[in-house]
Amino acid sequence: MVTFELFAQVAQHGDVTDDCTVPWPESRAEVKLGQVHLHSVMEDNETEQTRIIFDLVPRVEGIEPSGDPFIDTRAAAYLISGRERHAA
């Protein structure tokens, strides 16, 4: 089993949220969101890997991506990559 802890760093007023090249101070609070436990590999894992497309844009009501324009560029690149894997 492998366990990952998931944290979010909390922005404060004045923090830049639309440019991923501008770091926030290390003093910003981090909030533990939870843990992810991986217990086993899926059956037919290779097939699943060709089916899944990673989407870094939050698709949950109430959670919005930052204004960073790089997010849209990365999301488009992941979509192209996923389509190419599907076609293979």
Foldseek 3Di string as FASTA:
>chain_A
DDKDWDKDFDDDPPDDQAAVVDDDDPPTDIDTPGMDDDDDQDVVNVVVVLQDQDQPADPDPPDGHTNHPVNVVVRVVSVVVSVVSVVD
